[in-house]
Each structure stands twice: as structure tokens, then as C-alpha cells.
Amino acid sequence: MFDVIIVGARCAGATTAMLLALRGHRVLFVDRSKFPSDIPHGFFIHRGGPARLHRWGLLDRILATGCPAVDTILWDLTGFPLIGRGVAIDGVAFGCGPRRKVLDQILIEAAVEAGAEFRPQFIMEDVLTEHDRVTGVRGRQTSGSFSVTERARLVIGADGRNSKLARIVGAASYETVPPLACWYFTFWSGKFERC
């Protein structure tokens, strides 16, 4: 019996697992993916993200992978460039852009170090319920043929916008907005100079 089961082990699930385990809760977090693995979105961490990573002792691990701290911003508004240099709060640069396979792996390792149990390549097949509460999950390893059942006082869905857990329990969608903009990311080696 776990205190908490988290379905999804990328940045939301692994971070939640770490924080709950640090507070003494018995945590199991699962994900259908094999790690480390890349996904094609969510590369840039900014606003309060770097400060939180620093507070948790994880920012240095991310920067040690070769991911540079970003402390310069350039906004070019139709030929009128605005440049901010040395943008940092309490010595922490405003952003960094690790590849997701790097970020997710560091967060998973931190959650396991905090005491959470991790099961990669675990396919959640169904949930267990008592009255109107979800009390566990049933699933199997991708290489396995038999299902296992795990129970918890609380089950958290962190398995993304197409959440299987949300679909199974019939969670309502609210405040949904169609995509209105698109961001493009690229990775550069060496120093980038403005043309």
C-alpha cells in the first residue's frame, strides 16, 4: 500500500514524486516510456523554474550536462531590438533549455534518491475504485504478460494532455483553449552572433 501513486514520470510526475517522498510519503510513480527518452516539446525552463531547480539542488546537475544558463534576452520588434543582459535573480539565470531526456532523467533520479519507487515501461490498464474515489491502478510491464495491482490513498494523473487516467475516470475538461501560437526551438553549439 502506497500513500500516493503517480501516473506519469516526466517533469510533472517526477517532481511531484520527489517532493512527496521528501516529506516522508511512500510514493510509487510509473510511466509507459523507457527512460531516458526525448519528446519534441517543452525545452525552455524560465520564470520561476530555474530558481526552483536551484532550491531543490538540481540546477547544477542540469548545467553540468552542458546545458548553458541563459541570462541574455533579445526581442526584435520589427527592427527595434531590445536586449537584456545578465538577467538573473539571486545569482540564478532566468532560463535554461535542457533536452527533455536530460531533464526528465535528472528529475526521476532525484525522486528515487528522495525515496520514491519508480517503474518505467509500466502500462496502466485500469484504475481501482471505492465508491467515488480512485484507490489504485492495475497495469503491467511492457515486457510482461501478467497484470499487477497497486493500491494507494491518493492517485495522481501526470500523464499529459491526452491522459489515459483522466479518460478512464471521465475527468471533465475545462478552460480549454485551442493553440493560438507556436514556438520553435533549436540547439546551437559555440557562440551565436546576431547577423
N, C-alpha and C. Protein backbone atom coordinates (compact mmCIF):
# COMPACT_ATOMS: atom_id res chain seq x y z
N MET A 1 0.85 -1.20 0.00
CA MET A 1 0.00 0.00 0.00
C MET A 1 0.88 1.23 0.00
N PHE A 2 0.68 2.10 -0.98
CA PHE A 2 1.41 3.36 -1.07
C PHE A 2 0.55 4.49 -0.55
N ASP A 3 1.20 5.57 -0.15
CA ASP A 3 0.44 6.77 0.17
C ASP A 3 -0.08 7.41 -1.11
N VAL A 4 0.80 7.42 -2.14
CA VAL A 4 0.47 8.09 -3.40
C VAL A 4 1.01 7.27 -4.56
N ILE A 5 0.20 7.13 -5.61
CA ILE A 5 0.66 6.59 -6.90
C ILE A 5 0.52 7.71 -7.91
N ILE A 6 1.57 7.94 -8.68
CA ILE A 6 1.57 8.98 -9.71
C ILE A 6 1.71 8.30 -11.06
N VAL A 7 0.76 8.55 -11.94
CA VAL A 7 0.80 8.00 -13.30
C VAL A 7 1.41 9.08 -14.18
N GLY A 8 2.62 8.82 -14.67
CA GLY A 8 3.38 9.78 -15.46
C GLY A 8 4.64 10.17 -14.71
N ALA A 9 5.78 10.10 -15.39
CA ALA A 9 7.05 10.31 -14.69
C ALA A 9 7.94 11.35 -15.35
N ARG A 10 7.36 12.20 -16.17
CA ARG A 10 8.18 13.25 -16.75
C ARG A 10 8.21 14.43 -15.79
N CYS A 11 8.35 15.66 -16.26
CA CYS A 11 8.64 16.77 -15.35
C CYS A 11 7.58 16.97 -14.27
N ALA A 12 6.31 16.81 -14.56
CA ALA A 12 5.28 17.00 -13.52
C ALA A 12 5.25 15.82 -12.56
N GLY A 13 5.24 14.60 -13.08
CA GLY A 13 5.15 13.42 -12.22
C GLY A 13 6.38 13.19 -11.38
N ALA A 14 7.57 13.30 -11.97
CA ALA A 14 8.80 13.06 -11.21
C ALA A 14 9.00 14.11 -10.13
N THR A 15 8.69 15.36 -10.44
CA THR A 15 8.83 16.42 -9.45
C THR A 15 7.86 16.22 -8.29
N THR A 16 6.63 15.87 -8.60
CA THR A 16 5.64 15.60 -7.56
C THR A 16 6.08 14.43 -6.70
N ALA A 17 6.58 13.37 -7.34
CA ALA A 17 7.07 12.20 -6.60
C ALA A 17 8.21 12.59 -5.67
N MET A 18 9.15 13.40 -6.16
CA MET A 18 10.28 13.83 -5.35
C MET A 18 9.81 14.62 -4.13
N LEU A 19 8.96 15.61 -4.36
CA LEU A 19 8.52 16.48 -3.26
C LEU A 19 7.72 15.71 -2.21
N LEU A 20 6.86 14.79 -2.64
CA LEU A 20 6.10 13.99 -1.68
C LEU A 20 7.00 13.02 -0.91
N ALA A 21 7.96 12.40 -1.61
CA ALA A 21 8.88 11.48 -0.94
C ALA A 21 9.75 12.22 0.07
N LEU A 22 10.18 13.43 -0.27
CA LEU A 22 10.98 14.23 0.68
C LEU A 22 10.20 14.55 1.95
N ARG A 23 8.89 14.54 1.86
CA ARG A 23 8.04 14.81 3.02
C ARG A 23 7.63 13.53 3.75
N GLY A 24 8.27 12.42 3.36
CA GLY A 24 8.06 11.17 4.09
C GLY A 24 6.94 10.28 3.59
N HIS A 25 6.32 10.62 2.45
CA HIS A 25 5.25 9.79 1.92
C HIS A 25 5.83 8.62 1.12
N ARG A 26 5.14 7.49 1.16
CA ARG A 26 5.54 6.32 0.37
C ARG A 26 4.92 6.49 -1.02
N VAL A 27 5.79 6.68 -2.02
CA VAL A 27 5.35 7.08 -3.36
C VAL A 27 5.78 6.06 -4.41
N LEU A 28 4.86 5.72 -5.30
CA LEU A 28 5.16 4.94 -6.49
C LEU A 28 4.82 5.82 -7.68
N PHE A 29 5.77 5.96 -8.63
CA PHE A 29 5.43 6.65 -9.86
C PHE A 29 5.79 5.77 -11.04
N VAL A 30 4.91 5.76 -12.03
CA VAL A 30 5.01 4.85 -13.17
C VAL A 30 4.92 5.64 -14.47
N ASP A 31 5.49 5.07 -15.52
CA ASP A 31 5.36 5.69 -16.84
C ASP A 31 5.48 4.59 -17.89
N ARG A 32 4.76 4.74 -18.99
CA ARG A 32 4.80 3.74 -20.05
C ARG A 32 6.09 3.82 -20.87
N SER A 33 6.81 4.94 -20.77
CA SER A 33 8.01 5.14 -21.58
C SER A 33 9.25 4.51 -20.96
N LYS A 34 10.25 4.32 -21.80
CA LYS A 34 11.57 3.91 -21.36
C LYS A 34 12.39 5.17 -21.18
N PHE A 35 13.19 5.25 -20.14
CA PHE A 35 13.98 6.45 -19.87
C PHE A 35 15.46 6.12 -19.89
N PRO A 36 16.30 7.08 -20.32
CA PRO A 36 15.96 8.40 -20.83
C PRO A 36 15.38 8.32 -22.24
N SER A 37 14.44 9.21 -22.52
CA SER A 37 13.85 9.30 -23.85
C SER A 37 13.45 10.74 -24.11
N ASP A 38 13.50 11.13 -25.36
CA ASP A 38 13.21 12.50 -25.73
C ASP A 38 11.77 12.65 -26.18
N ILE A 39 11.23 13.83 -25.99
CA ILE A 39 9.94 14.20 -26.56
C ILE A 39 10.14 15.57 -27.20
N PRO A 40 9.41 15.87 -28.27
CA PRO A 40 9.70 17.07 -29.05
C PRO A 40 9.03 18.36 -28.55
N HIS A 41 8.98 18.56 -27.24
CA HIS A 41 8.41 19.82 -26.75
C HIS A 41 8.88 20.08 -25.33
N GLY A 42 8.68 21.32 -24.90
CA GLY A 42 8.97 21.68 -23.52
C GLY A 42 10.43 21.84 -23.18
N PHE A 43 11.21 22.50 -24.05
CA PHE A 43 12.64 22.59 -23.83
C PHE A 43 13.07 23.74 -22.92
N PHE A 44 12.36 24.85 -22.90
CA PHE A 44 12.89 26.03 -22.21
C PHE A 44 12.25 26.19 -20.84
N ILE A 45 13.08 26.25 -19.80
CA ILE A 45 12.62 26.45 -18.43
C ILE A 45 12.93 27.89 -18.06
N HIS A 46 11.91 28.65 -17.66
CA HIS A 46 12.13 30.04 -17.31
C HIS A 46 11.17 30.46 -16.20
N ARG A 47 11.07 31.75 -15.99
CA ARG A 47 10.29 32.31 -14.89
C ARG A 47 10.79 31.73 -13.58
N GLY A 48 9.95 31.07 -12.81
CA GLY A 48 10.38 30.54 -11.51
C GLY A 48 11.06 29.19 -11.59
N GLY A 49 11.10 28.57 -12.78
CA GLY A 49 11.67 27.23 -12.93
C GLY A 49 13.11 27.09 -12.50
N PRO A 50 14.04 27.91 -13.01
CA PRO A 50 15.43 27.77 -12.59
C PRO A 50 15.63 27.99 -11.09
N ALA A 51 14.90 28.92 -10.50
CA ALA A 51 15.02 29.15 -9.06
C ALA A 51 14.58 27.92 -8.28
N ARG A 52 13.48 27.28 -8.71
CA ARG A 52 13.03 26.06 -8.03
C ARG A 52 14.06 24.95 -8.18
N LEU A 53 14.56 24.75 -9.38
CA LEU A 53 15.59 23.72 -9.59
C LEU A 53 16.81 23.99 -8.72
N HIS A 54 17.19 25.25 -8.59
CA HIS A 54 18.32 25.62 -7.73
C HIS A 54 18.00 25.29 -6.27
N ARG A 55 16.81 25.65 -5.83
CA ARG A 55 16.40 25.39 -4.44
C ARG A 55 16.40 23.88 -4.14
N TRP A 56 16.02 23.07 -5.12
CA TRP A 56 15.98 21.63 -4.93
C TRP A 56 17.35 20.97 -5.12
N GLY A 57 18.37 21.76 -5.47
CA GLY A 57 19.71 21.21 -5.69
C GLY A 57 19.88 20.51 -7.02
N LEU A 58 19.04 20.83 -8.00
CA LEU A 58 19.08 20.14 -9.29
C LEU A 58 19.59 20.99 -10.44
N LEU A 59 19.63 22.30 -10.29
CA LEU A 59 20.06 23.16 -11.39
C LEU A 59 21.51 22.88 -11.77
N ASP A 60 22.38 22.71 -10.79
CA ASP A 60 23.79 22.41 -11.10
C ASP A 60 23.93 21.10 -11.86
N ARG A 61 23.09 20.12 -11.55
CA ARG A 61 23.14 18.84 -12.30
C ARG A 61 22.78 19.07 -13.76
N ILE A 62 21.76 19.91 -13.99
CA ILE A 62 21.34 20.20 -15.36
C ILE A 62 22.43 20.96 -16.11
N LEU A 63 23.00 21.98 -15.47
CA LEU A 63 24.05 22.76 -16.12
C LEU A 63 25.31 21.93 -16.36
N ALA A 64 25.55 20.94 -15.51
CA ALA A 64 26.73 20.08 -15.67
C ALA A 64 26.63 19.18 -16.91
N THR A 65 25.44 19.05 -17.50
CA THR A 65 25.29 18.24 -18.70
C THR A 65 25.70 19.01 -19.96
N GLY A 66 26.08 20.27 -19.78
CA GLY A 66 26.45 21.10 -20.93
C GLY A 66 25.36 22.07 -21.34
N CYS A 67 24.26 22.05 -20.65
CA CYS A 67 23.16 22.98 -20.91
C CYS A 67 23.53 24.33 -20.30
N PRO A 68 23.69 25.37 -21.11
CA PRO A 68 24.08 26.66 -20.55
C PRO A 68 22.94 27.39 -19.85
N ALA A 69 23.29 28.16 -18.85
CA ALA A 69 22.32 29.07 -18.23
C ALA A 69 22.09 30.22 -19.20
N VAL A 70 20.86 30.64 -19.36
CA VAL A 70 20.52 31.72 -20.29
C VAL A 70 20.25 32.98 -19.47
N ASP A 71 21.10 34.00 -19.68
CA ASP A 71 20.92 35.26 -18.95
C ASP A 71 20.85 36.47 -19.88
N THR A 72 20.65 36.20 -21.19
CA THR A 72 20.51 37.27 -22.17
C THR A 72 19.21 37.06 -22.95
N ILE A 73 18.46 38.15 -23.10
CA ILE A 73 17.20 38.10 -23.84
C ILE A 73 17.29 39.10 -24.99
N LEU A 74 16.85 38.69 -26.16
CA LEU A 74 16.76 39.58 -27.32
C LEU A 74 15.35 39.50 -27.87
N TRP A 75 14.66 40.63 -27.89
CA TRP A 75 13.36 40.75 -28.53
C TRP A 75 13.54 41.73 -29.69
N ASP A 76 13.32 41.25 -30.89
CA ASP A 76 13.43 42.13 -32.05
C ASP A 76 12.03 42.42 -32.55
N LEU A 77 11.56 43.62 -32.28
CA LEU A 77 10.21 44.01 -32.65
C LEU A 77 10.26 44.85 -33.92
N THR A 78 10.25 44.18 -35.05
CA THR A 78 10.27 44.82 -36.36
C THR A 78 11.42 45.82 -36.50
N GLY A 79 12.63 45.34 -36.29
CA GLY A 79 13.81 46.19 -36.46
C GLY A 79 14.18 47.02 -35.25
N PHE A 80 13.50 46.86 -34.15
CA PHE A 80 13.83 47.60 -32.92
C PHE A 80 14.21 46.59 -31.83
N PRO A 81 15.50 46.18 -31.80
CA PRO A 81 15.89 45.13 -30.86
C PRO A 81 15.99 45.65 -29.42
N LEU A 82 15.42 44.88 -28.51
CA LEU A 82 15.56 45.13 -27.08
C LEU A 82 16.40 43.99 -26.51
N ILE A 83 17.52 44.35 -25.88
CA ILE A 83 18.43 43.34 -25.35
C ILE A 83 18.57 43.52 -23.85
N GLY A 84 18.41 42.42 -23.13
CA GLY A 84 18.67 42.40 -21.69
C GLY A 84 19.80 41.43 -21.42
N ARG A 85 20.84 41.87 -20.73
CA ARG A 85 21.99 41.01 -20.42
C ARG A 85 22.12 40.86 -18.91
N GLY A 86 22.62 39.72 -18.48
CA GLY A 86 22.81 39.47 -17.06
C GLY A 86 21.50 39.34 -16.30
N VAL A 87 20.46 38.82 -16.98
CA VAL A 87 19.15 38.70 -16.35
C VAL A 87 19.17 37.51 -15.40
N ALA A 88 19.21 37.80 -14.10
CA ALA A 88 19.28 36.77 -13.07
C ALA A 88 18.61 37.28 -11.81
N ILE A 89 18.14 36.35 -10.99
CA ILE A 89 17.58 36.68 -9.69
C ILE A 89 18.35 35.89 -8.65
N ASP A 90 18.93 36.60 -7.70
CA ASP A 90 19.74 35.97 -6.65
C ASP A 90 20.81 35.06 -7.23
N GLY A 91 21.42 35.49 -8.33
CA GLY A 91 22.51 34.74 -8.94
C GLY A 91 22.08 33.58 -9.82
N VAL A 92 20.79 33.39 -10.01
CA VAL A 92 20.29 32.29 -10.85
C VAL A 92 19.77 32.90 -12.15
N ALA A 93 20.35 32.44 -13.27
CA ALA A 93 19.94 32.95 -14.59
C ALA A 93 18.46 32.70 -14.81
N PHE A 94 17.83 33.54 -15.63
CA PHE A 94 16.39 33.47 -15.79
C PHE A 94 15.93 32.22 -16.54
N GLY A 95 16.83 31.52 -17.24
CA GLY A 95 16.37 30.37 -18.01
C GLY A 95 17.46 29.38 -18.32
N CYS A 96 17.03 28.21 -18.78
CA CYS A 96 17.92 27.18 -19.33
C CYS A 96 17.06 26.29 -20.22
N GLY A 97 17.70 25.61 -21.15
CA GLY A 97 16.94 24.80 -22.11
C GLY A 97 17.48 23.40 -22.27
N PRO A 98 17.39 22.57 -21.22
CA PRO A 98 17.90 21.20 -21.36
C PRO A 98 17.00 20.37 -22.27
N ARG A 99 17.60 19.41 -22.94
CA ARG A 99 16.79 18.46 -23.69
C ARG A 99 15.93 17.69 -22.70
N ARG A 100 14.75 17.29 -23.13
CA ARG A 100 13.83 16.63 -22.22
C ARG A 100 14.39 15.31 -21.69
N LYS A 101 15.15 14.57 -22.51
CA LYS A 101 15.68 13.31 -21.99
C LYS A 101 16.66 13.57 -20.85
N VAL A 102 17.32 14.72 -20.85
CA VAL A 102 18.22 15.09 -19.76
C VAL A 102 17.42 15.54 -18.54
N LEU A 103 16.51 16.47 -18.74
CA LEU A 103 15.71 17.00 -17.64
C LEU A 103 14.91 15.90 -16.94
N ASP A 104 14.17 15.11 -17.73
CA ASP A 104 13.33 14.07 -17.13
C ASP A 104 14.16 13.06 -16.36
N GLN A 105 15.32 12.66 -16.90
CA GLN A 105 16.16 11.68 -16.22
C GLN A 105 16.68 12.24 -14.90
N ILE A 106 17.09 13.49 -14.87
CA ILE A 106 17.57 14.11 -13.62
C ILE A 106 16.45 14.18 -12.59
N LEU A 107 15.25 14.53 -13.02
CA LEU A 107 14.12 14.61 -12.09
C LEU A 107 13.74 13.23 -11.57
N ILE A 108 13.77 12.21 -12.43
CA ILE A 108 13.47 10.84 -11.99
C ILE A 108 14.50 10.38 -10.97
N GLU A 109 15.78 10.61 -11.26
CA GLU A 109 16.84 10.21 -10.33
C GLU A 109 16.67 10.91 -8.98
N ALA A 110 16.30 12.18 -8.99
CA ALA A 110 16.10 12.92 -7.74
C ALA A 110 14.93 12.35 -6.95
N ALA A 111 13.87 11.96 -7.64
CA ALA A 111 12.71 11.36 -6.95
C ALA A 111 13.08 10.03 -6.32
N VAL A 112 13.85 9.22 -7.04
CA VAL A 112 14.29 7.93 -6.50
C VAL A 112 15.22 8.14 -5.31
N GLU A 113 16.14 9.10 -5.43
CA GLU A 113 17.04 9.43 -4.31
C GLU A 113 16.25 9.89 -3.09
N ALA A 114 15.12 10.54 -3.31
CA ALA A 114 14.28 11.01 -2.20
C ALA A 114 13.49 9.88 -1.55
N GLY A 115 13.45 8.71 -2.21
CA GLY A 115 12.78 7.56 -1.63
C GLY A 115 11.58 7.04 -2.40
N ALA A 116 11.25 7.66 -3.53
CA ALA A 116 10.11 7.19 -4.33
C ALA A 116 10.51 5.94 -5.11
N GLU A 117 9.55 5.09 -5.37
CA GLU A 117 9.78 3.89 -6.19
C GLU A 117 9.33 4.19 -7.61
N PHE A 118 10.17 3.85 -8.60
CA PHE A 118 9.88 4.16 -9.99
C PHE A 118 9.78 2.89 -10.82
N ARG A 119 8.74 2.84 -11.67
CA ARG A 119 8.57 1.71 -12.59
C ARG A 119 8.40 2.24 -14.01
N PRO A 120 9.49 2.23 -14.79
CA PRO A 120 9.38 2.64 -16.19
C PRO A 120 8.75 1.51 -17.01
N GLN A 121 8.30 1.84 -18.19
CA GLN A 121 7.69 0.90 -19.12
C GLN A 121 6.54 0.12 -18.44
N PHE A 122 5.75 0.85 -17.67
CA PHE A 122 4.60 0.29 -16.97
C PHE A 122 3.34 0.82 -17.65
N ILE A 123 2.55 -0.05 -18.19
CA ILE A 123 1.33 0.34 -18.88
C ILE A 123 0.16 0.25 -17.92
N MET A 124 -0.43 1.39 -17.59
CA MET A 124 -1.61 1.39 -16.74
C MET A 124 -2.80 0.93 -17.58
N GLU A 125 -3.46 -0.12 -17.11
CA GLU A 125 -4.59 -0.67 -17.85
C GLU A 125 -5.93 -0.18 -17.32
N ASP A 126 -6.01 0.01 -16.00
CA ASP A 126 -7.27 0.41 -15.40
C ASP A 126 -7.00 0.97 -14.00
N VAL A 127 -8.03 1.51 -13.39
CA VAL A 127 -7.92 2.02 -12.02
C VAL A 127 -8.79 1.19 -11.09
N LEU A 128 -8.46 1.20 -9.82
CA LEU A 128 -9.29 0.59 -8.78
C LEU A 128 -10.08 1.71 -8.13
N THR A 129 -11.31 1.43 -7.80
CA THR A 129 -12.14 2.47 -7.17
C THR A 129 -12.86 1.90 -5.95
N GLU A 130 -13.14 2.80 -5.03
CA GLU A 130 -14.03 2.51 -3.90
C GLU A 130 -15.00 3.68 -3.83
N HIS A 131 -16.26 3.40 -4.04
CA HIS A 131 -17.28 4.44 -4.10
C HIS A 131 -16.91 5.43 -5.20
N ASP A 132 -16.61 6.68 -4.88
CA ASP A 132 -16.29 7.66 -5.92
C ASP A 132 -14.80 8.03 -5.91
N ARG A 133 -13.97 7.21 -5.27
CA ARG A 133 -12.53 7.50 -5.16
C ARG A 133 -11.70 6.50 -5.94
N VAL A 134 -10.65 6.98 -6.56
CA VAL A 134 -9.66 6.10 -7.19
C VAL A 134 -8.69 5.68 -6.10
N THR A 135 -8.52 4.37 -5.93
CA THR A 135 -7.71 3.86 -4.82
C THR A 135 -6.52 3.02 -5.29
N GLY A 136 -6.26 3.00 -6.59
CA GLY A 136 -5.11 2.25 -7.07
C GLY A 136 -5.14 2.11 -8.58
N VAL A 137 -4.15 1.38 -9.07
CA VAL A 137 -4.04 1.13 -10.51
C VAL A 137 -3.76 -0.34 -10.76
N ARG A 138 -4.16 -0.78 -11.95
CA ARG A 138 -3.81 -2.11 -12.42
C ARG A 138 -3.06 -1.92 -13.72
N GLY A 139 -1.95 -2.63 -13.86
CA GLY A 139 -1.17 -2.50 -15.09
C GLY A 139 -0.12 -3.58 -15.18
N ARG A 140 0.73 -3.43 -16.20
CA ARG A 140 1.78 -4.43 -16.42
C ARG A 140 2.99 -3.79 -17.06
N GLN A 141 4.11 -4.44 -16.91
CA GLN A 141 5.32 -4.02 -17.61
C GLN A 141 5.14 -4.29 -19.10
N THR A 142 5.75 -3.49 -19.96
CA THR A 142 5.59 -3.70 -21.41
C THR A 142 6.09 -5.07 -21.83
N SER A 143 7.07 -5.61 -21.12
CA SER A 143 7.60 -6.93 -21.47
C SER A 143 6.87 -8.06 -20.76
N GLY A 144 5.93 -7.73 -19.87
CA GLY A 144 5.24 -8.75 -19.10
C GLY A 144 3.87 -9.10 -19.65
N SER A 145 3.39 -10.25 -19.26
CA SER A 145 2.08 -10.68 -19.73
C SER A 145 1.05 -10.71 -18.61
N PHE A 146 1.47 -10.52 -17.36
CA PHE A 146 0.51 -10.54 -16.28
C PHE A 146 0.40 -9.16 -15.63
N SER A 147 -0.80 -8.87 -15.16
CA SER A 147 -1.07 -7.57 -14.55
C SER A 147 -0.77 -7.60 -13.06
N VAL A 148 -0.41 -6.43 -12.54
CA VAL A 148 -0.22 -6.26 -11.10
C VAL A 148 -1.16 -5.15 -10.65
N THR A 149 -1.51 -5.20 -9.38
CA THR A 149 -2.39 -4.21 -8.80
C THR A 149 -1.63 -3.51 -7.67
N GLU A 150 -1.68 -2.20 -7.67
CA GLU A 150 -1.07 -1.40 -6.59
C GLU A 150 -2.14 -0.48 -6.04
N ARG A 151 -2.16 -0.34 -4.73
CA ARG A 151 -3.16 0.50 -4.06
C ARG A 151 -2.50 1.69 -3.39
N ALA A 152 -3.28 2.76 -3.26
CA ALA A 152 -2.79 3.98 -2.60
C ALA A 152 -3.96 4.77 -2.06
N ARG A 153 -3.66 5.65 -1.12
CA ARG A 153 -4.71 6.54 -0.60
C ARG A 153 -5.05 7.61 -1.62
N LEU A 154 -4.08 7.95 -2.49
CA LEU A 154 -4.27 9.01 -3.48
C LEU A 154 -3.61 8.60 -4.78
N VAL A 155 -4.29 8.80 -5.90
CA VAL A 155 -3.73 8.54 -7.23
C VAL A 155 -3.74 9.86 -7.99
N ILE A 156 -2.58 10.22 -8.53
CA ILE A 156 -2.40 11.50 -9.23
C ILE A 156 -2.11 11.21 -10.71
N GLY A 157 -2.80 11.91 -11.58
CA GLY A 157 -2.55 11.79 -13.01
C GLY A 157 -1.58 12.88 -13.46
N ALA A 158 -0.43 12.47 -13.98
CA ALA A 158 0.56 13.39 -14.54
C ALA A 158 1.00 12.85 -15.90
N ASP A 159 0.05 12.26 -16.61
CA ASP A 159 0.38 11.59 -17.85
C ASP A 159 0.01 12.39 -19.10
N GLY A 160 0.01 13.71 -18.97
CA GLY A 160 -0.06 14.55 -20.15
C GLY A 160 -1.45 14.95 -20.59
N ARG A 161 -1.48 15.73 -21.67
CA ARG A 161 -2.74 16.31 -22.11
C ARG A 161 -3.70 15.26 -22.67
N ASN A 162 -3.20 14.12 -23.12
CA ASN A 162 -4.05 13.02 -23.58
C ASN A 162 -4.08 11.93 -22.52
N SER A 163 -4.26 12.34 -21.29
CA SER A 163 -4.17 11.46 -20.12
C SER A 163 -5.10 10.27 -20.18
N LYS A 164 -4.51 9.09 -20.10
CA LYS A 164 -5.31 7.87 -20.04
C LYS A 164 -6.07 7.81 -18.72
N LEU A 165 -5.42 8.24 -17.64
CA LEU A 165 -6.08 8.24 -16.34
C LEU A 165 -7.32 9.15 -16.36
N ALA A 166 -7.17 10.35 -16.90
CA ALA A 166 -8.31 11.27 -16.98
C ALA A 166 -9.43 10.68 -17.82
N ARG A 167 -9.07 10.00 -18.91
CA ARG A 167 -10.07 9.39 -19.78
C ARG A 167 -10.82 8.27 -19.05
N ILE A 168 -10.08 7.44 -18.31
CA ILE A 168 -10.69 6.32 -17.60
C ILE A 168 -11.69 6.81 -16.54
N VAL A 169 -11.30 7.85 -15.80
CA VAL A 169 -12.18 8.32 -14.72
C VAL A 169 -13.22 9.32 -15.21
N GLY A 170 -13.15 9.70 -16.49
CA GLY A 170 -14.13 10.62 -17.05
C GLY A 170 -13.98 12.04 -16.55
N ALA A 171 -12.74 12.46 -16.32
CA ALA A 171 -12.49 13.82 -15.84
C ALA A 171 -12.98 14.84 -16.86
N ALA A 172 -13.64 15.86 -16.36
CA ALA A 172 -14.17 16.91 -17.24
C ALA A 172 -13.05 17.84 -17.70
N SER A 173 -13.14 18.31 -18.93
CA SER A 173 -12.22 19.33 -19.44
C SER A 173 -12.81 20.69 -19.15
N TYR A 174 -11.99 21.64 -18.78
CA TYR A 174 -12.46 23.00 -18.54
C TYR A 174 -11.36 23.99 -18.88
N GLU A 175 -11.76 25.19 -19.18
CA GLU A 175 -10.86 26.26 -19.58
C GLU A 175 -9.92 25.82 -20.69
N THR A 176 -10.45 25.10 -21.67
CA THR A 176 -9.63 24.67 -22.79
C THR A 176 -9.59 25.76 -23.85
N VAL A 177 -8.42 25.96 -24.42
CA VAL A 177 -8.21 26.97 -25.44
C VAL A 177 -7.42 26.31 -26.57
N PRO A 178 -7.85 26.48 -27.81
CA PRO A 178 -7.07 25.90 -28.91
C PRO A 178 -5.72 26.61 -29.02
N PRO A 179 -4.72 25.96 -29.62
CA PRO A 179 -3.42 26.61 -29.78
C PRO A 179 -3.56 27.93 -30.54
N LEU A 180 -2.93 28.97 -30.00
CA LEU A 180 -3.00 30.29 -30.62
C LEU A 180 -1.64 30.78 -31.12
N ALA A 181 -0.59 30.08 -30.73
CA ALA A 181 0.76 30.49 -31.13
C ALA A 181 1.63 29.25 -31.22
N CYS A 182 2.78 29.43 -31.80
CA CYS A 182 3.71 28.31 -31.94
C CYS A 182 5.12 28.80 -31.61
N TRP A 183 5.86 28.02 -30.87
CA TRP A 183 7.25 28.33 -30.55
C TRP A 183 8.14 27.33 -31.28
N TYR A 184 9.27 27.81 -31.73
CA TYR A 184 10.24 26.94 -32.38
C TYR A 184 11.52 26.94 -31.56
N PHE A 185 12.11 25.77 -31.38
CA PHE A 185 13.33 25.64 -30.61
C PHE A 185 14.43 25.10 -31.50
N THR A 186 15.65 25.50 -31.22
CA THR A 186 16.80 24.95 -31.91
C THR A 186 17.96 24.92 -30.93
N PHE A 187 18.92 24.09 -31.19
CA PHE A 187 20.10 23.99 -30.35
C PHE A 187 21.32 24.41 -31.16
N TRP A 188 22.17 25.23 -30.56
CA TRP A 188 23.36 25.75 -31.22
C TRP A 188 24.59 25.33 -30.42
N SER A 189 25.66 25.06 -31.12
CA SER A 189 26.92 24.84 -30.42
C SER A 189 27.80 26.06 -30.71
N GLY A 190 28.68 26.38 -29.78
CA GLY A 190 29.53 27.54 -29.96
C GLY A 190 28.77 28.80 -29.61
N LYS A 191 29.33 29.93 -30.01
CA LYS A 191 28.72 31.23 -29.69
C LYS A 191 27.87 31.68 -30.86
N PHE A 192 26.68 32.14 -30.58
CA PHE A 192 25.76 32.62 -31.61
C PHE A 192 25.89 34.14 -31.70
N GLU A 193 26.12 34.63 -32.88
CA GLU A 193 26.22 36.08 -33.11
C GLU A 193 25.03 36.51 -33.95
N ARG A 194 24.47 37.66 -33.59
CA ARG A 194 23.36 38.21 -34.36
C ARG A 194 23.88 38.74 -35.70
N CYS A 195 23.18 38.42 -36.79
CA CYS A 195 23.59 38.86 -38.13
C CYS A 195 23.22 40.32 -38.35
